[in-house]
Every structure is written in C-alpha cells, then in structure tokens.
C-alpha cells in the first residue's frame, strides 16, 4: 500500500470521527475507507472506487466547507498515487 493511500485513510478517519460532519457523509467516508483498506483488490481499482465515493460526497450541500477542503486534499492524494 502506498504512503499516499495510507495518508488518505488517516485523513478520512479524522473526518469520520468529526461529530460536526453529517451522518450520511460519515457513512460514505467509512465506505471509502473500507474500500481503500481492502487487501484483495488491486491498488488502482481501490483508488478508483474510493474516488467515486469521494466525488459523491463532495457534491453534498450539507457538508461543512472545511470538510469539503479536506475531501479535495484526499482526492489529490489519491490521484497522485495512481
């Protein structure tokens, strides 16, 4: 697992623990984390699935602005790991 993916998982964990983030967003964050932590899948496939989840999350109008910034940072990390 690349360092960028490990960093992305850590950042996603921080967002998931943030009680100011709506539950539906935290659930999708957890889903993206689970995808990235899969042992069986290819790294490129895991990254693509996680990016799809994060794309859906980033369009949610209920997301706090600082969380959206964090999501963009994670997307950037994952895109550079491909």
Protein backbone atom coordinates (compact mmCIF):
# COMPACT_ATOMS: atom_id res chain seq x y z
CA UNK A 1 0.00 0.00 0.00
CA UNK A 2 1.44 3.36 -1.00
CA UNK A 3 2.13 6.12 1.50
CA UNK A 4 -0.44 8.37 -0.21
CA UNK A 5 -3.18 5.79 0.35
CA UNK A 6 -2.16 5.38 3.99
CA UNK A 7 -2.24 9.18 4.44
CA UNK A 8 -5.66 9.33 2.74
CA UNK A 9 -7.03 6.66 5.10
CA UNK A 10 -5.72 8.63 8.09
CA UNK A 11 -7.36 11.84 6.86
CA UNK A 12 -10.62 10.03 6.14
CA UNK A 13 -10.53 8.66 9.69
CA UNK A 14 -10.25 12.17 11.07
CA UNK A 15 -13.32 13.26 9.10
CA UNK A 16 -15.24 10.16 10.17
CA UNK A 17 -14.58 10.98 13.84
CA UNK A 18 -15.72 14.61 13.43
CA UNK A 19 -19.14 14.92 15.05
CA UNK A 20 -19.91 18.13 13.13
CA UNK A 21 -19.98 16.18 9.85
CA UNK A 22 -23.46 14.86 8.96
CA UNK A 23 -24.05 11.12 9.50
CA UNK A 24 -24.69 10.35 5.82
CA UNK A 25 -21.34 11.86 4.88
CA UNK A 26 -19.55 9.98 7.66
CA UNK A 27 -21.12 6.74 6.40
CA UNK A 28 -19.78 7.36 2.89
CA UNK A 29 -16.38 8.29 4.34
CA UNK A 30 -16.36 4.95 6.17
CA UNK A 31 -17.26 3.21 2.91
CA UNK A 32 -14.35 4.90 1.11
CA UNK A 33 -12.02 3.90 3.95
CA UNK A 34 -13.19 0.29 3.77
CA UNK A 35 -12.53 0.22 0.03
CA UNK A 36 -9.01 1.58 0.49
CA UNK A 37 -8.25 -0.91 3.27
CA UNK A 38 -9.26 -3.98 1.22
CA UNK A 39 -6.39 -6.44 0.99
CA UNK A 40 -7.60 -8.40 -2.02
CA UNK A 41 -8.15 -5.63 -4.57
CA UNK A 42 -5.66 -4.00 -6.91
CA UNK A 43 -4.49 -0.55 -5.78
CA UNK A 44 -5.80 1.17 -8.92
CA UNK A 45 -9.24 -0.40 -8.51
CA UNK A 46 -9.39 0.57 -4.83
CA UNK A 47 -8.36 4.12 -5.63
CA UNK A 48 -10.98 4.46 -8.38
CA UNK A 49 -13.76 3.16 -6.13
CA UNK A 50 -12.73 5.49 -3.32
CA UNK A 51 -12.56 8.45 -5.71
CA UNK A 52 -16.11 7.69 -6.87
CA UNK A 53 -17.33 7.76 -3.25
CA UNK A 54 -15.47 10.99 -2.57
CA UNK A 55 -16.92 12.57 -5.71
CA UNK A 56 -20.43 11.82 -4.47
CA UNK A 57 -19.54 13.17 -1.03
CA UNK A 58 -18.06 16.38 -2.41
CA UNK A 59 -21.37 17.25 -4.09
CA UNK A 60 -23.37 17.06 -0.84
CA UNK A 61 -24.73 20.51 0.02
CA UNK A 62 -24.82 19.71 3.76
CA UNK A 63 -21.07 19.28 4.02
CA UNK A 64 -19.19 21.88 6.06
CA UNK A 65 -16.81 23.94 3.91
CA UNK A 66 -13.69 22.88 5.85
CA UNK A 67 -14.64 19.23 5.32
CA UNK A 68 -15.02 19.82 1.59
CA UNK A 69 -11.48 21.23 1.58
CA UNK A 70 -10.25 18.10 3.37
CA UNK A 71 -12.03 15.91 0.81
CA UNK A 72 -10.32 17.77 -2.05
CA UNK A 73 -6.96 17.23 -0.33
CA UNK A 74 -7.68 13.49 -0.06
CA UNK A 75 -8.75 13.32 -3.70
CA UNK A 76 -5.48 14.98 -4.67
CA UNK A 77 -3.51 12.44 -2.62
CA UNK A 78 -5.33 9.51 -4.20
CA UNK A 79 -4.96 10.86 -7.73
CA UNK A 80 -1.23 11.26 -7.24
CA UNK A 81 -0.94 7.65 -6.04
CA UNK A 82 -2.28 6.23 -9.32
